[in-house]
Amino acid sequence: MAGALHLLDLAEPPTAIFAFNDLLALGVLRAGHSRGLRVPDDLSVGFDDLATAALVTPALTTVQQPLAEMGRTATGLLHRLINDQSVDSIRVELETALVVRDSTKALSI
């Protein structure tokens, strides 16, 4: 929450904060509330689609990640590296999905 408070206290505070995960996004919601900001009218917030993301008010817009597939892929790569087997690429891209809820809105220009 301290990082969010620092950002919100800047001379030109952000209109959106893309948090590292939903737990930090909850801290951003709290920081915004403590500064009298309305989410999403004054500040948009979100990230990784924990089960609680839809239960808070406002419900967090998130990026749904394939966590089980991420774990399997990482385990497979680690196993290959430990056993001195070749690895085609350390960079792996997995499909994600944007889950739009109530904590974000389009920027008014």
PDB file of N, CA and C in Angstrom:
ATOM      1  N   MET A   1       0.814  -1.184   0.000  1.00  0.00           N
ATOM      2  CA  MET A   1       0.000   0.000   0.000  1.00  0.00           C
ATOM      3  C   MET A   1       0.865   1.257   0.000  1.00  0.00           C
ATOM      4  N   ALA A   2       2.052   1.188   0.601  1.00  0.00           N
ATOM      5  CA  ALA A   2       2.922   2.357   0.678  1.00  0.00           C
ATOM      6  C   ALA A   2       3.320   2.845  -0.707  1.00  0.00           C
ATOM      7  N   GLY A   3       3.618   1.917  -1.607  1.00  0.00           N
ATOM      8  CA  GLY A   3       3.983   2.296  -2.968  1.00  0.00           C
ATOM      9  C   GLY A   3       2.847   3.001  -3.683  1.00  0.00           C
ATOM     10  N   ALA A   4       1.632   2.500  -3.499  1.00  0.00           N
ATOM     11  CA  ALA A   4       0.462   3.124  -4.112  1.00  0.00           C
ATOM     12  C   ALA A   4       0.234   4.518  -3.530  1.00  0.00           C
ATOM     13  N   LEU A   5       0.392   4.661  -2.226  1.00  0.00           N
ATOM     14  CA  LEU A   5       0.234   5.980  -1.605  1.00  0.00           C
ATOM     15  C   LEU A   5       1.249   6.972  -2.172  1.00  0.00           C
ATOM     16  N   HIS A   6       2.484   6.499  -2.365  1.00  0.00           N
ATOM     17  CA  HIS A   6       3.520   7.361  -2.947  1.00  0.00           C
ATOM     18  C   HIS A   6       3.105   7.822  -4.349  1.00  0.00           C
ATOM     19  N   LEU A   7       2.630   6.890  -5.168  1.00  0.00           N
ATOM     20  CA  LEU A   7       2.193   7.248  -6.525  1.00  0.00           C
ATOM     21  C   LEU A   7       1.020   8.219  -6.494  1.00  0.00           C
ATOM     22  N   LEU A   8       0.078   7.965  -5.609  1.00  0.00           N
ATOM     23  CA  LEU A   8      -1.125   8.805  -5.551  1.00  0.00           C
ATOM     24  C   LEU A   8      -0.844  10.189  -4.984  1.00  0.00           C
ATOM     25  N   ASP A   9       0.281  10.355  -4.290  1.00  0.00           N
ATOM     26  CA  ASP A   9       0.657  11.649  -3.739  1.00  0.00           C
ATOM     27  C   ASP A   9       1.527  12.475  -4.693  1.00  0.00           C
ATOM     28  N   LEU A  10       1.860  11.934  -5.867  1.00  0.00           N
ATOM     29  CA  LEU A  10       2.647  12.687  -6.844  1.00  0.00           C
ATOM     30  C   LEU A  10       1.872  13.915  -7.321  1.00  0.00           C
ATOM     31  N   ALA A  11       2.589  14.908  -7.807  1.00  0.00           N
ATOM     32  CA  ALA A  11       1.946  16.117  -8.335  1.00  0.00           C
ATOM     33  C   ALA A  11       0.970  15.774  -9.461  1.00  0.00           C
ATOM     34  N   GLU A  12       1.338  14.786 -10.280  1.00  0.00           N
ATOM     35  CA  GLU A  12       0.449  14.285 -11.335  1.00  0.00           C
ATOM     36  C   GLU A  12       0.259  12.781 -11.107  1.00  0.00           C
ATOM     37  N   PRO A  13      -0.675  12.402 -10.243  1.00  0.00           N
ATOM     38  CA  PRO A  13      -0.856  10.980  -9.920  1.00  0.00           C
ATOM     39  C   PRO A  13      -1.399  10.204 -11.121  1.00  0.00           C
ATOM     40  N   PRO A  14      -1.160   8.900 -11.143  1.00  0.00           N
ATOM     41  CA  PRO A  14      -1.645   8.082 -12.253  1.00  0.00           C
ATOM     42  C   PRO A  14      -3.168   7.955 -12.219  1.00  0.00           C
ATOM     43  N   THR A  15      -3.746   7.677 -13.383  1.00  0.00           N
ATOM     44  CA  THR A  15      -5.182   7.405 -13.460  1.00  0.00           C
ATOM     45  C   THR A  15      -5.447   5.905 -13.423  1.00  0.00           C
ATOM     46  N   ALA A  16      -4.364   5.109 -13.493  1.00  0.00           N
ATOM     47  CA  ALA A  16      -4.486   3.650 -13.431  1.00  0.00           C
ATOM     48  C   ALA A  16      -3.230   3.074 -12.801  1.00  0.00           C
ATOM     49  N   ILE A  17      -3.412   1.996 -12.053  1.00  0.00           N
ATOM     50  CA  ILE A  17      -2.271   1.255 -11.500  1.00  0.00           C
ATOM     51  C   ILE A  17      -2.482  -0.208 -11.828  1.00  0.00           C
ATOM     52  N   PHE A  18      -1.517  -0.775 -12.560  1.00  0.00           N
ATOM     53  CA  PHE A  18      -1.523  -2.178 -12.936  1.00  0.00           C
ATOM     54  C   PHE A  18      -0.687  -2.896 -11.895  1.00  0.00           C
ATOM     55  N   ALA A  19      -1.334  -3.511 -10.918  1.00  0.00           N
ATOM     56  CA  ALA A  19      -0.632  -4.118  -9.786  1.00  0.00           C
ATOM     57  C   ALA A  19       0.020  -5.442 -10.187  1.00  0.00           C
ATOM     58  N   PHE A  20       1.044  -5.840  -9.447  1.00  0.00           N
ATOM     59  CA  PHE A  20       1.757  -7.098  -9.690  1.00  0.00           C
ATOM     60  C   PHE A  20       0.837  -8.302  -9.500  1.00  0.00           C
ATOM     61  N   ASN A  21      -0.077  -8.205  -8.551  1.00  0.00           N
ATOM     62  CA  ASN A  21      -1.055  -9.279  -8.329  1.00  0.00           C
ATOM     63  C   ASN A  21      -2.286  -8.682  -7.642  1.00  0.00           C
ATOM     64  N   ASP A  22      -3.313  -9.482  -7.489  1.00  0.00           N
ATOM     65  CA  ASP A  22      -4.559  -8.980  -6.925  1.00  0.00           C
ATOM     66  C   ASP A  22      -4.436  -8.595  -5.459  1.00  0.00           C
ATOM     67  N   LEU A  23      -3.551  -9.243  -4.706  1.00  0.00           N
ATOM     68  CA  LEU A  23      -3.367  -8.844  -3.310  1.00  0.00           C
ATOM     69  C   LEU A  23      -2.831  -7.418  -3.239  1.00  0.00           C
ATOM     70  N   LEU A  24      -1.876  -7.089  -4.106  1.00  0.00           N
ATOM     71  CA  LEU A  24      -1.378  -5.718  -4.142  1.00  0.00           C
ATOM     72  C   LEU A  24      -2.446  -4.778  -4.685  1.00  0.00           C
ATOM     73  N   ALA A  25      -3.257  -5.261  -5.630  1.00  0.00           N
ATOM     74  CA  ALA A  25      -4.345  -4.434  -6.165  1.00  0.00           C
ATOM     75  C   ALA A  25      -5.333  -4.064  -5.057  1.00  0.00           C
ATOM     76  N   LEU A  26      -5.563  -4.977  -4.124  1.00  0.00           N
ATOM     77  CA  LEU A  26      -6.438  -4.662  -2.992  1.00  0.00           C
ATOM     78  C   LEU A  26      -5.837  -3.541  -2.149  1.00  0.00           C
ATOM     79  N   GLY A  27      -4.515  -3.546  -2.000  1.00  0.00           N
ATOM     80  CA  GLY A  27      -3.840  -2.462  -1.298  1.00  0.00           C
ATOM     81  C   GLY A  27      -3.971  -1.144  -2.053  1.00  0.00           C
ATOM     82  N   VAL A  28      -3.935  -1.209  -3.382  1.00  0.00           N
ATOM     83  CA  VAL A  28      -4.124  -0.010  -4.195  1.00  0.00           C
ATOM     84  C   VAL A  28      -5.544   0.523  -4.003  1.00  0.00           C
ATOM     85  N   LEU A  29      -6.533  -0.378  -3.969  1.00  0.00           N
ATOM     86  CA  LEU A  29      -7.910   0.053  -3.707  1.00  0.00           C
ATOM     87  C   LEU A  29      -8.003   0.789  -2.371  1.00  0.00           C
ATOM     88  N   ARG A  30      -7.362   0.227  -1.363  1.00  0.00           N
ATOM     89  CA  ARG A  30      -7.387   0.836  -0.030  1.00  0.00           C
ATOM     90  C   ARG A  30      -6.690   2.197  -0.034  1.00  0.00           C
ATOM     91  N   ALA A  31      -5.547   2.260  -0.725  1.00  0.00           N
ATOM     92  CA  ALA A  31      -4.810   3.525  -0.808  1.00  0.00           C
ATOM     93  C   ALA A  31      -5.649   4.583  -1.523  1.00  0.00           C
ATOM     94  N   GLY A  32      -6.275   4.202  -2.621  1.00  0.00           N
ATOM     95  CA  GLY A  32      -7.127   5.138  -3.347  1.00  0.00           C
ATOM     96  C   GLY A  32      -8.269   5.637  -2.487  1.00  0.00           C
ATOM     97  N   HIS A  33      -8.890   4.709  -1.775  1.00  0.00           N
ATOM     98  CA  HIS A  33      -9.997   5.078  -0.881  1.00  0.00           C
ATOM     99  C   HIS A  33      -9.519   6.061   0.199  1.00  0.00           C
ATOM    100  N   SER A  34      -8.329   5.813   0.743  1.00  0.00           N
ATOM    101  CA  SER A  34      -7.808   6.695   1.790  1.00  0.00           C
ATOM    102  C   SER A  34      -7.517   8.103   1.272  1.00  0.00           C
ATOM    103  N   ARG A  35      -7.324   8.225  -0.034  1.00  0.00           N
ATOM    104  CA  ARG A  35      -7.080   9.529  -0.655  1.00  0.00           C
ATOM    105  C   ARG A  35      -8.362  10.134  -1.234  1.00  0.00           C
ATOM    106  N   GLY A  36      -9.498   9.480  -0.966  1.00  0.00           N
ATOM    107  CA  GLY A  36     -10.782   9.998  -1.441  1.00  0.00           C
ATOM    108  C   GLY A  36     -11.045   9.760  -2.913  1.00  0.00           C
ATOM    109  N   LEU A  37     -10.306   8.832  -3.517  1.00  0.00           N
ATOM    110  CA  LEU A  37     -10.487   8.538  -4.936  1.00  0.00           C
ATOM    111  C   LEU A  37     -11.584   7.507  -5.133  1.00  0.00           C
ATOM    112  N   ARG A  38     -12.300   7.632  -6.232  1.00  0.00           N
ATOM    113  CA  ARG A  38     -13.341   6.678  -6.595  1.00  0.00           C
ATOM    114  C   ARG A  38     -12.812   5.761  -7.690  1.00  0.00           C
ATOM    115  N   VAL A  39     -12.942   4.470  -7.475  1.00  0.00           N
ATOM    116  CA  VAL A  39     -12.532   3.476  -8.464  1.00  0.00           C
ATOM    117  C   VAL A  39     -13.789   2.980  -9.165  1.00  0.00           C
ATOM    118  N   PRO A  40     -13.887   3.044 -10.468  1.00  0.00           N
ATOM    119  CA  PRO A  40     -12.881   3.403 -11.457  1.00  0.00           C
ATOM    120  C   PRO A  40     -12.936   4.847 -11.934  1.00  0.00           C
ATOM    121  N   ASP A  41     -13.779   5.695 -11.380  1.00  0.00           N
ATOM    122  CA  ASP A  41     -13.917   7.068 -11.892  1.00  0.00           C
ATOM    123  C   ASP A  41     -12.608   7.849 -11.838  1.00  0.00           C
ATOM    124  N   ASP A  42     -11.870   7.743 -10.736  1.00  0.00           N
ATOM    125  CA  ASP A  42     -10.617   8.482 -10.578  1.00  0.00           C
ATOM    126  C   ASP A  42      -9.385   7.611 -10.790  1.00  0.00           C
ATOM    127  N   LEU A  43      -9.531   6.328 -10.563  1.00  0.00           N
ATOM    128  CA  LEU A  43      -8.387   5.419 -10.604  1.00  0.00           C
ATOM    129  C   LEU A  43      -8.851   4.038 -11.057  1.00  0.00           C
ATOM    130  N   SER A  44      -8.164   3.474 -12.063  1.00  0.00           N
ATOM    131  CA  SER A  44      -8.420   2.100 -12.496  1.00  0.00           C
ATOM    132  C   SER A  44      -7.365   1.190 -11.884  1.00  0.00           C
ATOM    133  N   VAL A  45      -7.772  -0.018 -11.472  1.00  0.00           N
ATOM    134  CA  VAL A  45      -6.890  -0.942 -10.750  1.00  0.00           C
ATOM    135  C   VAL A  45      -7.126  -2.362 -11.240  1.00  0.00           C
ATOM    136  N   GLY A  46      -6.061  -3.200 -11.247  1.00  0.00           N
ATOM    137  CA  GLY A  46      -6.260  -4.610 -11.530  1.00  0.00           C
ATOM    138  C   GLY A  46      -5.003  -5.431 -11.668  1.00  0.00           C
ATOM    139  N   PHE A  47      -5.190  -6.797 -11.641  1.00  0.00           N
ATOM    140  CA  PHE A  47      -4.218  -7.738 -12.216  1.00  0.00           C
ATOM    141  C   PHE A  47      -4.641  -9.202 -12.300  1.00  0.00           C
ATOM    142  N   ASP A  48      -4.350 -10.126 -11.414  1.00  0.00           N
ATOM    143  CA  ASP A  48      -4.211 -11.551 -11.782  1.00  0.00           C
ATOM    144  C   ASP A  48      -5.349 -12.536 -11.482  1.00  0.00           C
ATOM    145  N   ASP A  49      -6.525 -12.138 -11.220  1.00  0.00           N
ATOM    146  CA  ASP A  49      -7.728 -12.972 -11.126  1.00  0.00           C
ATOM    147  C   ASP A  49      -7.721 -14.037 -10.041  1.00  0.00           C
ATOM    148  N   LEU A  50      -7.382 -13.651  -8.824  1.00  0.00           N
ATOM    149  CA  LEU A  50      -7.605 -14.536  -7.684  1.00  0.00           C
ATOM    150  C   LEU A  50      -9.104 -14.689  -7.472  1.00  0.00           C
ATOM    151  N   ALA A  51      -9.508 -15.700  -6.756  1.00  0.00           N
ATOM    152  CA  ALA A  51     -10.935 -15.926  -6.512  1.00  0.00           C
ATOM    153  C   ALA A  51     -11.591 -14.721  -5.840  1.00  0.00           C
ATOM    154  N   THR A  52     -10.847 -14.004  -5.037  1.00  0.00           N
ATOM    155  CA  THR A  52     -11.401 -12.846  -4.324  1.00  0.00           C
ATOM    156  C   THR A  52     -11.601 -11.626  -5.220  1.00  0.00           C
ATOM    157  N   ALA A  53     -11.041 -11.625  -6.414  1.00  0.00           N
ATOM    158  CA  ALA A  53     -11.101 -10.449  -7.293  1.00  0.00           C
ATOM    159  C   ALA A  53     -12.535 -10.041  -7.612  1.00  0.00           C
ATOM    160  N   ALA A  54     -13.419 -11.011  -7.752  1.00  0.00           N
ATOM    161  CA  ALA A  54     -14.814 -10.710  -8.079  1.00  0.00           C
ATOM    162  C   ALA A  54     -15.635 -10.408  -6.826  1.00  0.00           C
ATOM    163  N   LEU A  55     -15.074 -10.664  -5.641  1.00  0.00           N
ATOM    164  CA  LEU A  55     -15.832 -10.517  -4.405  1.00  0.00           C
ATOM    165  C   LEU A  55     -15.684  -9.159  -3.742  1.00  0.00           C
ATOM    166  N   VAL A  56     -14.649  -8.403  -4.098  1.00  0.00           N
ATOM    167  CA  VAL A  56     -14.443  -7.094  -3.485  1.00  0.00           C
ATOM    168  C   VAL A  56     -15.260  -6.039  -4.227  1.00  0.00           C
ATOM    169  N   THR A  57     -15.419  -4.884  -3.602  1.00  0.00           N
ATOM    170  CA  THR A  57     -16.137  -3.788  -4.243  1.00  0.00           C
ATOM    171  C   THR A  57     -15.183  -2.614  -4.400  1.00  0.00           C
ATOM    172  N   PRO A  58     -14.955  -2.163  -5.616  1.00  0.00           N
ATOM    173  CA  PRO A  58     -15.481  -2.717  -6.867  1.00  0.00           C
ATOM    174  C   PRO A  58     -14.735  -3.992  -7.253  1.00  0.00           C
ATOM    175  N   ALA A  59     -15.424  -4.869  -7.971  1.00  0.00           N
ATOM    176  CA  ALA A  59     -14.798  -6.115  -8.429  1.00  0.00           C
ATOM    177  C   ALA A  59     -13.605  -5.762  -9.321  1.00  0.00           C
ATOM    178  N   LEU A  60     -12.469  -6.457  -9.104  1.00  0.00           N
ATOM    179  CA  LEU A  60     -11.233  -6.129  -9.813  1.00  0.00           C
ATOM    180  C   LEU A  60     -11.231  -6.636 -11.248  1.00  0.00           C
ATOM    181  N   THR A  61     -10.873  -5.763 -12.170  1.00  0.00           N
ATOM    182  CA  THR A  61     -10.545  -6.196 -13.527  1.00  0.00           C
ATOM    183  C   THR A  61      -9.209  -6.913 -13.423  1.00  0.00           C
ATOM    184  N   THR A  62      -9.088  -8.068 -14.075  1.00  0.00           N
ATOM    185  CA  THR A  62      -7.895  -8.880 -13.901  1.00  0.00           C
ATOM    186  C   THR A  62      -7.436  -9.506 -15.207  1.00  0.00           C
ATOM    187  N   VAL A  63      -6.260 -10.093 -15.155  1.00  0.00           N
ATOM    188  CA  VAL A  63      -5.737 -10.892 -16.258  1.00  0.00           C
ATOM    189  C   VAL A  63      -5.700 -12.325 -15.761  1.00  0.00           C
ATOM    190  N   GLN A  64      -6.536 -13.164 -16.355  1.00  0.00           N
ATOM    191  CA  GLN A  64      -6.605 -14.569 -15.955  1.00  0.00           C
ATOM    192  C   GLN A  64      -5.407 -15.302 -16.554  1.00  0.00           C
ATOM    193  N   GLN A  65      -4.667 -16.000 -15.708  1.00  0.00           N
ATOM    194  CA  GLN A  65      -3.456 -16.694 -16.135  1.00  0.00           C
ATOM    195  C   GLN A  65      -3.621 -18.206 -15.973  1.00  0.00           C
ATOM    196  N   PRO A  66      -3.023 -18.991 -16.858  1.00  0.00           N
ATOM    197  CA  PRO A  66      -3.108 -20.448 -16.764  1.00  0.00           C
ATOM    198  C   PRO A  66      -2.099 -20.980 -15.744  1.00  0.00           C
ATOM    199  N   LEU A  67      -2.408 -20.830 -14.456  1.00  0.00           N
ATOM    200  CA  LEU A  67      -1.444 -21.132 -13.402  1.00  0.00           C
ATOM    201  C   LEU A  67      -0.970 -22.585 -13.416  1.00  0.00           C
ATOM    202  N   ALA A  68      -1.876 -23.537 -13.608  1.00  0.00           N
ATOM    203  CA  ALA A  68      -1.467 -24.950 -13.625  1.00  0.00           C
ATOM    204  C   ALA A  68      -0.527 -25.213 -14.798  1.00  0.00           C
ATOM    205  N   GLU A  69      -0.841 -24.656 -15.954  1.00  0.00           N
ATOM    206  CA  GLU A  69       0.025 -24.839 -17.123  1.00  0.00           C
ATOM    207  C   GLU A  69       1.378 -24.159 -16.907  1.00  0.00           C
ATOM    208  N   MET A  70       1.379 -23.013 -16.241  1.00  0.00           N
ATOM    209  CA  MET A  70       2.640 -22.336 -15.925  1.00  0.00           C
ATOM    210  C   MET A  70       3.513 -23.222 -15.035  1.00  0.00           C
ATOM    211  N   GLY A  71       2.895 -23.846 -14.033  1.00  0.00           N
ATOM    212  CA  GLY A  71       3.633 -24.730 -13.136  1.00  0.00           C
ATOM    213  C   GLY A  71       4.186 -25.949 -13.851  1.00  0.00           C
ATOM    214  N   ARG A  72       3.355 -26.569 -14.701  1.00  0.00           N
ATOM    215  CA  ARG A  72       3.816 -27.742 -15.461  1.00  0.00           C
ATOM    216  C   ARG A  72       4.970 -27.373 -16.391  1.00  0.00           C
ATOM    217  N   THR A  73       4.846 -26.250 -17.073  1.00  0.00           N
ATOM    218  CA  THR A  73       5.881 -25.816 -18.005  1.00  0.00           C
ATOM    219  C   THR A  73       7.184 -25.518 -17.269  1.00  0.00           C
ATOM    220  N   ALA A  74       7.099 -24.803 -16.151  1.00  0.00           N
ATOM    221  CA  ALA A  74       8.292 -24.480 -15.372  1.00  0.00           C
ATOM    222  C   ALA A  74       8.956 -25.739 -14.824  1.00  0.00           C
ATOM    223  N   THR A  75       8.146 -26.681 -14.350  1.00  0.00           N
ATOM    224  CA  THR A  75       8.686 -27.933 -13.823  1.00  0.00           C
ATOM    225  C   THR A  75       9.388 -28.719 -14.922  1.00  0.00           C
ATOM    226  N   GLY A  76       8.785 -28.766 -16.097  1.00  0.00           N
ATOM    227  CA  GLY A  76       9.389 -29.464 -17.224  1.00  0.00           C
ATOM    228  C   GLY A  76      10.721 -28.841 -17.635  1.00  0.00           C
ATOM    229  N   LEU A  77      10.756 -27.509 -17.708  1.00  0.00           N
ATOM    230  CA  LEU A  77      12.004 -26.831 -18.051  1.00  0.00           C
ATOM    231  C   LEU A  77      13.076 -27.075 -16.997  1.00  0.00           C
ATOM    232  N   LEU A  78      12.700 -26.967 -15.726  1.00  0.00           N
ATOM    233  CA  LEU A  78      13.653 -27.194 -14.640  1.00  0.00           C
ATOM    234  C   LEU A  78      14.193 -28.622 -14.682  1.00  0.00           C
ATOM    235  N   HIS A  79      13.327 -29.585 -14.913  1.00  0.00           N
ATOM    236  CA  HIS A  79      13.740 -30.991 -14.996  1.00  0.00           C
ATOM    237  C   HIS A  79      14.767 -31.170 -16.114  1.00  0.00           C
ATOM    238  N   ARG A  80      14.510 -30.575 -17.271  1.00  0.00           N
ATOM    239  CA  ARG A  80      15.438 -30.680 -18.400  1.00  0.00           C
ATOM    240  C   ARG A  80      16.784 -30.020 -18.050  1.00  0.00           C
ATOM    241  N   LEU A  81      16.749 -28.864 -17.419  1.00  0.00           N
ATOM    242  CA  LEU A  81      17.990 -28.174 -17.068  1.00  0.00           C
ATOM    243  C   LEU A  81      18.802 -28.966 -16.043  1.00  0.00           C
ATOM    244  N   ILE A  82      18.127 -29.516 -15.032  1.00  0.00           N
ATOM    245  CA  ILE A  82      18.818 -30.298 -14.000  1.00  0.00           C
ATOM    246  C   ILE A  82      19.487 -31.525 -14.613  1.00  0.00           C
ATOM    247  N   ASN A  83      18.857 -32.114 -15.605  1.00  0.00           N
ATOM    248  CA  ASN A  83      19.380 -33.322 -16.236  1.00  0.00           C
ATOM    249  C   ASN A  83      20.234 -33.029 -17.467  1.00  0.00           C
ATOM    250  N   ASP A  84      20.721 -31.798 -17.579  1.00  0.00           N
ATOM    251  CA  ASP A  84      21.599 -31.374 -18.681  1.00  0.00           C
ATOM    252  C   ASP A  84      21.038 -31.701 -20.053  1.00  0.00           C
ATOM    253  N   GLN A  85      19.717 -31.624 -20.182  1.00  0.00           N
ATOM    254  CA  GLN A  85      19.077 -31.836 -21.482  1.00  0.00           C
ATOM    255  C   GLN A  85      18.910 -30.488 -22.171  1.00  0.00           C
ATOM    256  N   SER A  86      18.846 -30.519 -23.474  1.00  0.00           N
ATOM    257  CA  SER A  86      18.707 -29.264 -24.207  1.00  0.00           C
ATOM    258  C   SER A  86      17.312 -28.666 -23.979  1.00  0.00           C
ATOM    259  N   VAL A  87      17.295 -27.366 -23.998  1.00  0.00           N
ATOM    260  CA  VAL A  87      16.045 -26.616 -23.860  1.00  0.00           C
ATOM    261  C   VAL A  87      15.954 -25.703 -25.068  1.00  0.00           C
ATOM    262  N   ASP A  88      14.872 -25.840 -25.824  1.00  0.00           N
ATOM    263  CA  ASP A  88      14.715 -25.030 -27.030  1.00  0.00           C
ATOM    264  C   ASP A  88      14.673 -23.543 -26.699  1.00  0.00           C
ATOM    265  N   SER A  89      13.954 -23.215 -25.647  1.00  0.00           N
ATOM    266  CA  SER A  89      13.798 -21.808 -25.290  1.00  0.00           C
ATOM    267  C   SER A  89      13.426 -21.699 -23.818  1.00  0.00           C
ATOM    268  N   ILE A  90      14.005 -20.733 -23.155  1.00  0.00           N
ATOM    269  CA  ILE A  90      13.627 -20.465 -21.773  1.00  0.00           C
ATOM    270  C   ILE A  90      12.387 -19.562 -21.769  1.00  0.00           C
ATOM    271  N   ARG A  91      12.180 -18.830 -22.841  1.00  0.00           N
ATOM    272  CA  ARG A  91      11.018 -17.940 -22.944  1.00  0.00           C
ATOM    273  C   ARG A  91       9.822 -18.747 -23.435  1.00  0.00           C
ATOM    274  N   VAL A  92       8.764 -18.711 -22.647  1.00  0.00           N
ATOM    275  CA  VAL A  92       7.532 -19.425 -22.974  1.00  0.00           C
ATOM    276  C   VAL A  92       6.373 -18.449 -22.840  1.00  0.00           C
ATOM    277  N   GLU A  93       5.515 -18.389 -23.827  1.00  0.00           N
ATOM    278  CA  GLU A  93       4.340 -17.527 -23.771  1.00  0.00           C
ATOM    279  C   GLU A  93       3.093 -18.399 -23.684  1.00  0.00           C
ATOM    280  N   LEU A  94       2.276 -18.127 -22.684  1.00  0.00           N
ATOM    281  CA  LEU A  94       1.032 -18.854 -22.496  1.00  0.00           C
ATOM    282  C   LEU A  94      -0.133 -17.894 -22.671  1.00  0.00           C
ATOM    283  N   GLU A  95      -1.264 -18.406 -23.073  1.00  0.00           N
ATOM    284  CA  GLU A  95      -2.429 -17.566 -23.324  1.00  0.00           C
ATOM    285  C   GLU A  95      -3.030 -17.052 -22.022  1.00  0.00           C
ATOM    286  N   THR A  96      -3.406 -15.790 -22.027  1.00  0.00           N
ATOM    287  CA  THR A  96      -4.085 -15.168 -20.899  1.00  0.00           C
ATOM    288  C   THR A  96      -5.403 -14.581 -21.397  1.00  0.00           C
ATOM    289  N   ALA A  97      -6.236 -14.155 -20.473  1.00  0.00           N
ATOM    290  CA  ALA A  97      -7.516 -13.551 -20.857  1.00  0.00           C
ATOM    291  C   ALA A  97      -7.798 -12.359 -19.951  1.00  0.00           C
ATOM    292  N   LEU A  98      -8.224 -11.268 -20.546  1.00  0.00           N
ATOM    293  CA  LEU A  98      -8.616 -10.095 -19.788  1.00  0.00           C
ATOM    294  C   LEU A  98     -10.028 -10.306 -19.263  1.00  0.00           C
ATOM    295  N   VAL A  99     -10.206 -10.153 -17.953  1.00  0.00           N
ATOM    296  CA  VAL A  99     -11.516 -10.284 -17.318  1.00  0.00           C
ATOM    297  C   VAL A  99     -11.917  -8.888 -16.837  1.00  0.00           C
ATOM    298  N   VAL A 100     -12.768  -8.235 -17.613  1.00  0.00           N
ATOM    299  CA  VAL A 100     -13.155  -6.862 -17.296  1.00  0.00           C
ATOM    300  C   VAL A 100     -14.264  -6.877 -16.252  1.00  0.00           C
ATOM    301  N   ARG A 101     -13.993  -6.174 -15.151  1.00  0.00           N
ATOM    302  CA  ARG A 101     -14.989  -6.029 -14.083  1.00  0.00           C
ATOM    303  C   ARG A 101     -15.153  -4.549 -13.788  1.00  0.00           C
ATOM    304  N   ASP A 102     -15.405  -4.211 -12.541  1.00  0.00           N
ATOM    305  CA  ASP A 102     -15.789  -2.837 -12.200  1.00  0.00           C
ATOM    306  C   ASP A 102     -14.659  -1.886 -11.823  1.00  0.00           C
ATOM    307  N   SER A 103     -13.421  -2.357 -11.710  1.00  0.00           N
ATOM    308  CA  SER A 103     -12.351  -1.492 -11.215  1.00  0.00           C
ATOM    309  C   SER A 103     -11.635  -0.714 -12.309  1.00  0.00           C
ATOM    310  N   THR A 104     -12.069  -0.829 -13.552  1.00  0.00           N
ATOM    311  CA  THR A 104     -11.462  -0.082 -14.646  1.00  0.00           C
ATOM    312  C   THR A 104     -12.534   0.524 -15.536  1.00  0.00           C
ATOM    313  N   LYS A 105     -12.141   1.572 -16.240  1.00  0.00           N
ATOM    314  CA  LYS A 105     -13.021   2.161 -17.243  1.00  0.00           C
ATOM    315  C   LYS A 105     -12.167   2.835 -18.289  1.00  0.00           C
ATOM    316  N   ALA A 106     -12.758   3.151 -19.419  1.00  0.00           N
ATOM    317  CA  ALA A 106     -12.038   3.823 -20.482  1.00  0.00           C
ATOM    318  C   ALA A 106     -11.638   5.220 -20.028  1.00  0.00           C
ATOM    319  N   LEU A 107     -10.451   5.637 -20.427  1.00  0.00           N
ATOM    320  CA  LEU A 107      -9.961   6.957 -20.090  1.00  0.00           C
ATOM    321  C   LEU A 107     -10.712   8.000 -20.896  1.00  0.00           C
ATOM    322  N   SER A 108     -11.221   9.013 -20.238  1.00  0.00           N
ATOM    323  CA  SER A 108     -11.908  10.114 -20.913  1.00  0.00           C
ATOM    324  C   SER A 108     -10.869  11.129 -21.363  1.00  0.00           C
ATOM    325  N   ILE A 109     -10.915  11.460 -22.628  1.00  0.00           N
ATOM    326  CA  ILE A 109      -9.938  12.420 -23.167  1.00  0.00           C
ATOM    327  C   ILE A 109     -10.628  13.730 -23.472  1.00  0.00           C
TER     328      ILE A 109
END
